[in-house]
C-alpha atoms as a PDB file:
ATOM      1  CA  UNK A   1     -50.870 -95.693-157.645  1.00  0.00           C
ATOM      2  CA  UNK A   2     -47.174 -96.076-156.915  1.00  0.00           C
ATOM      3  CA  UNK A   3     -45.964 -93.810-154.117  1.00  0.00           C
ATOM      4  CA  UNK A   4     -42.550 -93.057-152.659  1.00  0.00           C
ATOM      5  CA  UNK A   5     -41.766 -95.607-149.975  1.00  0.00           C
ATOM      6  CA  UNK A   6     -39.669 -95.322-146.849  1.00  0.00           C
ATOM      7  CA  UNK A   7     -36.207 -96.823-147.150  1.00  0.00           C
ATOM      8  CA  UNK A   8     -35.351 -99.560-144.674  1.00  0.00           C
ATOM      9  CA  UNK A   9     -32.304 -98.163-142.851  1.00  0.00           C
ATOM     10  CA  UNK A  10     -30.857-101.673-142.651  1.00  0.00           C
ATOM     11  CA  UNK A  11     -30.746-101.988-146.428  1.00  0.00           C
ATOM     12  CA  UNK A  12     -29.753 -98.394-147.230  1.00  0.00           C
ATOM     13  CA  UNK A  13     -26.359 -97.769-148.777  1.00  0.00           C
ATOM     14  CA  UNK A  14     -23.960 -94.937-149.473  1.00  0.00           C
ATOM     15  CA  UNK A  15     -24.951 -91.401-148.563  1.00  0.00           C
ATOM     16  CA  UNK A  16     -28.509 -92.418-147.649  1.00  0.00           C
ATOM     17  CA  UNK A  17     -27.203 -94.955-145.126  1.00  0.00           C
ATOM     18  CA  UNK A  18     -24.817 -92.407-143.588  1.00  0.00           C
ATOM     19  CA  UNK A  19     -27.586 -89.814-143.229  1.00  0.00           C
ATOM     20  CA  UNK A  20     -30.060 -92.282-141.729  1.00  0.00           C
ATOM     21  CA  UNK A  21     -27.417 -93.508-139.270  1.00  0.00           C
ATOM     22  CA  UNK A  22     -26.703 -89.905-138.270  1.00  0.00           C
ATOM     23  CA  UNK A  23     -30.402 -89.264-137.638  1.00  0.00           C
ATOM     24  CA  UNK A  24     -30.604 -92.417-135.501  1.00  0.00           C
ATOM     25  CA  UNK A  25     -27.542 -91.422-133.485  1.00  0.00           C
ATOM     26  CA  UNK A  26     -28.876 -87.901-132.877  1.00  0.00           C
ATOM     27  CA  UNK A  27     -32.523 -88.712-132.133  1.00  0.00           C
ATOM     28  CA  UNK A  28     -32.835 -92.408-131.326  1.00  0.00           C
ATOM     29  CA  UNK A  29     -35.304 -92.902-134.180  1.00  0.00           C
ATOM     30  CA  UNK A  30     -35.502 -92.428-137.923  1.00  0.00           C
ATOM     31  CA  UNK A  31     -38.914 -90.991-138.788  1.00  0.00           C
ATOM     32  CA  UNK A  32     -40.596 -92.640-141.763  1.00  0.00           C
ATOM     33  CA  UNK A  33     -40.842 -89.375-143.671  1.00  0.00           C
ATOM     34  CA  UNK A  34     -37.078 -88.874-143.481  1.00  0.00           C
ATOM     35  CA  UNK A  35     -36.612 -92.469-144.631  1.00  0.00           C
ATOM     36  CA  UNK A  36     -38.708 -91.606-147.697  1.00  0.00           C
ATOM     37  CA  UNK A  37     -36.713 -88.416-148.207  1.00  0.00           C
ATOM     38  CA  UNK A  38     -33.529 -90.539-148.181  1.00  0.00           C
ATOM     39  CA  UNK A  39     -34.305 -91.710-151.723  1.00  0.00           C
ATOM     40  CA  UNK A  40     -32.509 -88.478-152.598  1.00  0.00           C
ATOM     41  CA  UNK A  41     -29.593 -88.073-150.207  1.00  0.00           C
ATOM     42  CA  UNK A  42     -29.122 -84.568-151.644  1.00  0.00           C
ATOM     43  CA  UNK A  43     -32.641 -83.568-150.571  1.00  0.00           C
ATOM     44  CA  UNK A  44     -32.365 -85.212-147.146  1.00  0.00           C
ATOM     45  CA  UNK A  45     -28.962 -83.655-146.513  1.00  0.00           C
ATOM     46  CA  UNK A  46     -30.233 -80.223-147.574  1.00  0.00           C
ATOM     47  CA  UNK A  47     -33.378 -80.598-145.475  1.00  0.00           C
ATOM     48  CA  UNK A  48     -31.369 -81.547-142.393  1.00  0.00           C
ATOM     49  CA  UNK A  49     -28.858 -78.760-143.010  1.00  0.00           C
ATOM     50  CA  UNK A  50     -31.466 -76.018-143.285  1.00  0.00           C
ATOM     51  CA  UNK A  51     -33.303 -77.370-140.230  1.00  0.00           C
ATOM     52  CA  UNK A  52     -30.052 -77.300-138.239  1.00  0.00           C
ATOM     53  CA  UNK A  53     -29.232 -73.758-139.369  1.00  0.00           C
ATOM     54  CA  UNK A  54     -32.723 -72.505-138.581  1.00  0.00           C
ATOM     55  CA  UNK A  55     -32.562 -74.133-135.143  1.00  0.00           C
ATOM     56  CA  UNK A  56     -29.775 -71.650-134.410  1.00  0.00           C
ATOM     57  CA  UNK A  57     -31.581 -68.749-136.033  1.00  0.00           C
ATOM     58  CA  UNK A  58     -33.537 -65.791-134.711  1.00  0.00           C
ATOM     59  CA  UNK A  59     -36.896 -67.520-134.144  1.00  0.00           C
ATOM     60  CA  UNK A  60     -37.408 -69.362-130.877  1.00  0.00           C
ATOM     61  CA  UNK A  61     -38.261 -73.053-130.808  1.00  0.00           C
ATOM     62  CA  UNK A  62     -41.890 -72.578-129.816  1.00  0.00           C
ATOM     63  CA  UNK A  63     -42.585 -70.111-132.623  1.00  0.00           C
ATOM     64  CA  UNK A  64     -40.984 -72.493-135.126  1.00  0.00           C
ATOM     65  CA  UNK A  65     -43.363 -75.256-133.974  1.00  0.00           C
ATOM     66  CA  UNK A  66     -46.332 -72.878-134.169  1.00  0.00           C
ATOM     67  CA  UNK A  67     -45.420 -72.159-137.806  1.00  0.00           C
ATOM     68  CA  UNK A  68     -44.892 -75.843-138.601  1.00  0.00           C
ATOM     69  CA  UNK A  69     -48.249 -76.815-137.114  1.00  0.00           C
ATOM     70  CA  UNK A  70     -50.140 -74.051-138.892  1.00  0.00           C
ATOM     71  CA  UNK A  71     -48.635 -74.783-142.306  1.00  0.00           C
ATOM     72  CA  UNK A  72     -48.947 -78.565-141.940  1.00  0.00           C
ATOM     73  CA  UNK A  73     -52.610 -78.304-140.944  1.00  0.00           C
ATOM     74  CA  UNK A  74     -53.343 -76.047-143.915  1.00  0.00           C
ATOM     75  CA  UNK A  75     -51.530 -78.457-146.242  1.00  0.00           C
ATOM     76  CA  UNK A  76     -53.464 -81.426-144.854  1.00  0.00           C
ATOM     77  CA  UNK A  77     -50.340 -83.325-143.830  1.00  0.00           C
ATOM     78  CA  UNK A  78     -51.505 -85.789-141.207  1.00  0.00           C
ATOM     79  CA  UNK A  79     -47.947 -87.034-140.711  1.00  0.00           C
ATOM     80  CA  UNK A  80     -46.439 -83.602-140.134  1.00  0.00           C
ATOM     81  CA  UNK A  81     -49.246 -82.403-137.860  1.00  0.00           C
ATOM     82  CA  UNK A  82     -48.721 -85.522-135.734  1.00  0.00           C
ATOM     83  CA  UNK A  83     -44.938 -85.096-135.709  1.00  0.00           C
ATOM     84  CA  UNK A  84     -44.970 -81.370-134.956  1.00  0.00           C
ATOM     85  CA  UNK A  85     -47.665 -81.837-132.295  1.00  0.00           C
ATOM     86  CA  UNK A  86     -45.503 -84.366-130.459  1.00  0.00           C
ATOM     87  CA  UNK A  87     -42.290 -82.396-130.922  1.00  0.00           C
ATOM     88  CA  UNK A  88     -43.972 -79.101-130.044  1.00  0.00           C
ATOM     89  CA  UNK A  89     -45.377 -80.538-126.825  1.00  0.00           C
ATOM     90  CA  UNK A  90     -41.925 -81.895-125.972  1.00  0.00           C
ATOM     91  CA  UNK A  91     -40.619 -78.346-126.511  1.00  0.00           C
ATOM     92  CA  UNK A  92     -43.159 -76.932-124.068  1.00  0.00           C
ATOM     93  CA  UNK A  93     -46.272 -76.164-126.124  1.00  0.00           C
ATOM     94  CA  UNK A  94     -49.521 -76.870-124.305  1.00  0.00           C
ATOM     95  CA  UNK A  95     -52.334 -78.859-125.896  1.00  0.00           C
ATOM     96  CA  UNK A  96     -54.219 -75.564-126.301  1.00  0.00           C
ATOM     97  CA  UNK A  97     -51.237 -73.886-127.989  1.00  0.00           C
ATOM     98  CA  UNK A  98     -50.957 -76.813-130.414  1.00  0.00           C
ATOM     99  CA  UNK A  99     -54.665 -76.538-131.302  1.00  0.00           C
ATOM    100  CA  UNK A 100     -54.415 -72.763-131.687  1.00  0.00           C
ATOM    101  CA  UNK A 101     -51.350 -73.062-133.918  1.00  0.00           C
ATOM    102  CA  UNK A 102     -53.156 -75.549-136.136  1.00  0.00           C
ATOM    103  CA  UNK A 103     -55.884 -72.897-136.499  1.00  0.00           C
ATOM    104  CA  UNK A 104     -53.254 -70.217-137.255  1.00  0.00           C
ATOM    105  CA  UNK A 105     -54.155 -68.275-134.148  1.00  0.00           C
ATOM    106  CA  UNK A 106     -52.607 -67.414-130.819  1.00  0.00           C
ATOM    107  CA  UNK A 107     -53.536 -65.199-127.871  1.00  0.00           C
ATOM    108  CA  UNK A 108     -50.026 -63.775-128.180  1.00  0.00           C
ATOM    109  CA  UNK A 109     -50.189 -60.913-130.707  1.00  0.00           C
ATOM    110  CA  UNK A 110     -46.701 -61.519-132.130  1.00  0.00           C
ATOM    111  CA  UNK A 111     -47.265 -65.250-132.628  1.00  0.00           C
ATOM    112  CA  UNK A 112     -50.724 -64.660-134.095  1.00  0.00           C
ATOM    113  CA  UNK A 113     -49.337 -62.142-136.590  1.00  0.00           C
ATOM    114  CA  UNK A 114     -46.571 -64.533-137.647  1.00  0.00           C
ATOM    115  CA  UNK A 115     -49.079 -67.359-138.112  1.00  0.00           C
ATOM    116  CA  UNK A 116     -51.346 -65.229-140.291  1.00  0.00           C
ATOM    117  CA  UNK A 117     -48.326 -64.313-142.439  1.00  0.00           C
ATOM    118  CA  UNK A 118     -47.214 -67.956-142.632  1.00  0.00           C
ATOM    119  CA  UNK A 119     -50.689 -69.022-143.775  1.00  0.00           C
ATOM    120  CA  UNK A 120     -50.719 -66.288-146.424  1.00  0.00           C
ATOM    121  CA  UNK A 121     -47.352 -67.543-147.692  1.00  0.00           C
ATOM    122  CA  UNK A 122     -48.519 -71.150-147.617  1.00  0.00           C
ATOM    123  CA  UNK A 123     -51.645 -70.343-149.585  1.00  0.00           C
ATOM    124  CA  UNK A 124     -49.715 -68.406-152.209  1.00  0.00           C
ATOM    125  CA  UNK A 125     -51.793 -65.316-151.528  1.00  0.00           C
ATOM    126  CA  UNK A 126     -49.511 -63.137-153.656  1.00  0.00           C
ATOM    127  CA  UNK A 127     -50.239 -59.477-153.057  1.00  0.00           C
ATOM    128  CA  UNK A 128     -52.022 -60.276-149.800  1.00  0.00           C
ATOM    129  CA  UNK A 129     -48.638 -61.277-148.398  1.00  0.00           C
ATOM    130  CA  UNK A 130     -47.367 -57.705-148.643  1.00  0.00           C
ATOM    131  CA  UNK A 131     -50.269 -56.527-146.465  1.00  0.00           C
ATOM    132  CA  UNK A 132     -48.835 -58.633-143.642  1.00  0.00           C
ATOM    133  CA  UNK A 133     -45.409 -56.984-143.693  1.00  0.00           C
ATOM    134  CA  UNK A 134     -46.382 -53.817-141.773  1.00  0.00           C
ATOM    135  CA  UNK A 135     -48.102 -56.006-139.174  1.00  0.00           C
ATOM    136  CA  UNK A 136     -44.944 -58.073-138.769  1.00  0.00           C
ATOM    137  CA  UNK A 137     -42.939 -54.887-138.273  1.00  0.00           C
ATOM    138  CA  UNK A 138     -45.493 -53.644-135.727  1.00  0.00           C
ATOM    139  CA  UNK A 139     -44.910 -56.734-133.562  1.00  0.00           C
ATOM    140  CA  UNK A 140     -41.142 -56.357-133.713  1.00  0.00           C
ATOM    141  CA  UNK A 141     -40.014 -58.599-136.547  1.00  0.00           C
ATOM    142  CA  UNK A 142     -37.054 -57.404-138.546  1.00  0.00           C
ATOM    143  CA  UNK A 143     -35.729 -58.602-141.868  1.00  0.00           C
ATOM    144  CA  UNK A 144     -33.897 -61.543-140.282  1.00  0.00           C
ATOM    145  CA  UNK A 145     -37.032 -62.895-138.617  1.00  0.00           C
ATOM    146  CA  UNK A 146     -39.190 -62.371-141.707  1.00  0.00           C
ATOM    147  CA  UNK A 147     -36.699 -64.228-143.908  1.00  0.00           C
ATOM    148  CA  UNK A 148     -36.612 -67.073-141.391  1.00  0.00           C
ATOM    149  CA  UNK A 149     -40.412 -67.301-141.273  1.00  0.00           C
ATOM    150  CA  UNK A 150     -40.376 -67.646-145.073  1.00  0.00           C
ATOM    151  CA  UNK A 151     -37.713 -70.362-144.811  1.00  0.00           C
ATOM    152  CA  UNK A 152     -39.721 -72.264-142.194  1.00  0.00           C
ATOM    153  CA  UNK A 153     -42.857 -72.166-144.325  1.00  0.00           C
ATOM    154  CA  UNK A 154     -40.925 -73.505-147.305  1.00  0.00           C
ATOM    155  CA  UNK A 155     -39.095 -76.322-145.464  1.00  0.00           C
ATOM    156  CA  UNK A 156     -42.307 -77.432-143.742  1.00  0.00           C
ATOM    157  CA  UNK A 157     -44.114 -77.328-147.097  1.00  0.00           C
ATOM    158  CA  UNK A 158     -41.431 -79.631-148.546  1.00  0.00           C
ATOM    159  CA  UNK A 159     -42.077 -82.187-145.799  1.00  0.00           C
ATOM    160  CA  UNK A 160     -45.851 -81.800-146.248  1.00  0.00           C
ATOM    161  CA  UNK A 161     -45.638 -82.353-150.010  1.00  0.00           C
ATOM    162  CA  UNK A 162     -43.401 -85.390-149.602  1.00  0.00           C
ATOM    163  CA  UNK A 163     -45.915 -86.900-147.197  1.00  0.00           C
ATOM    164  CA  UNK A 164     -48.609 -86.565-149.858  1.00  0.00           C
ATOM    165  CA  UNK A 165     -46.541 -88.423-152.479  1.00  0.00           C
ATOM    166  CA  UNK A 166     -45.309 -91.102-150.081  1.00  0.00           C
ATOM    167  CA  UNK A 167     -46.907 -94.134-148.518  1.00  0.00           C
ATOM    168  CA  UNK A 168     -45.336 -93.695-145.100  1.00  0.00           C
ATOM    169  CA  UNK A 169     -47.209 -94.614-141.955  1.00  0.00           C
ATOM    170  CA  UNK A 170     -47.483 -92.000-139.234  1.00  0.00           C
ATOM    171  CA  UNK A 171     -44.941 -92.996-136.591  1.00  0.00           C
ATOM    172  CA  UNK A 172     -45.916 -90.325-134.058  1.00  0.00           C
ATOM    173  CA  UNK A 173     -49.037 -90.252-131.865  1.00  0.00           C
ATOM    174  CA  UNK A 174     -51.909 -89.858-134.359  1.00  0.00           C
ATOM    175  CA  UNK A 175     -53.786 -86.601-134.763  1.00  0.00           C
ATOM    176  CA  UNK A 176     -57.166 -86.178-136.437  1.00  0.00           C
ATOM    177  CA  UNK A 177     -56.921 -83.340-138.955  1.00  0.00           C
ATOM    178  CA  UNK A 178     -60.711 -83.040-139.073  1.00  0.00           C
ATOM    179  CA  UNK A 179     -61.087 -82.438-135.334  1.00  0.00           C
ATOM    180  CA  UNK A 180     -60.649 -78.731-136.057  1.00  0.00           C
ATOM    181  CA  UNK A 181     -63.355 -78.591-138.710  1.00  0.00           C
ATOM    182  CA  UNK A 182     -66.216 -76.244-137.831  1.00  0.00           C
END
């Protein structure tokens, strides 16, 4: 089966080359998944733009990583779970918090409520999603935060789906998705 490959930054051209160079300059690496995304500079540029905007949004960094870990685990994206585990730990998440997020749980009521909502969105639970809205309000989320949770679930799901159609190697410390199986 032919899968989407990662572009070699050295042989990239045009908009893809400019985007990959920007990523390198900002982070010191160009993750394989973003190199695969670069096949469509429009998608990569949009992905980076929404990530940058959400970084300045209402949700704090740790909550964003909790959401990313929960959704990526549910979507079975080994690459994204590894990436978000490493990035989340660098942002201050403990090993226990990473494991909890992957299980869509947290001892913090607000975080736990957000993760349950994110999982409902990710699973396409339809009407079940609306049952989560009063709970989100009860833990202090307003419209801005709810809209941003939805955006995070969708942008993480894009990365997860691309991983499943690509042949990229995981270039973050590996994580075993099955370690959380009962």
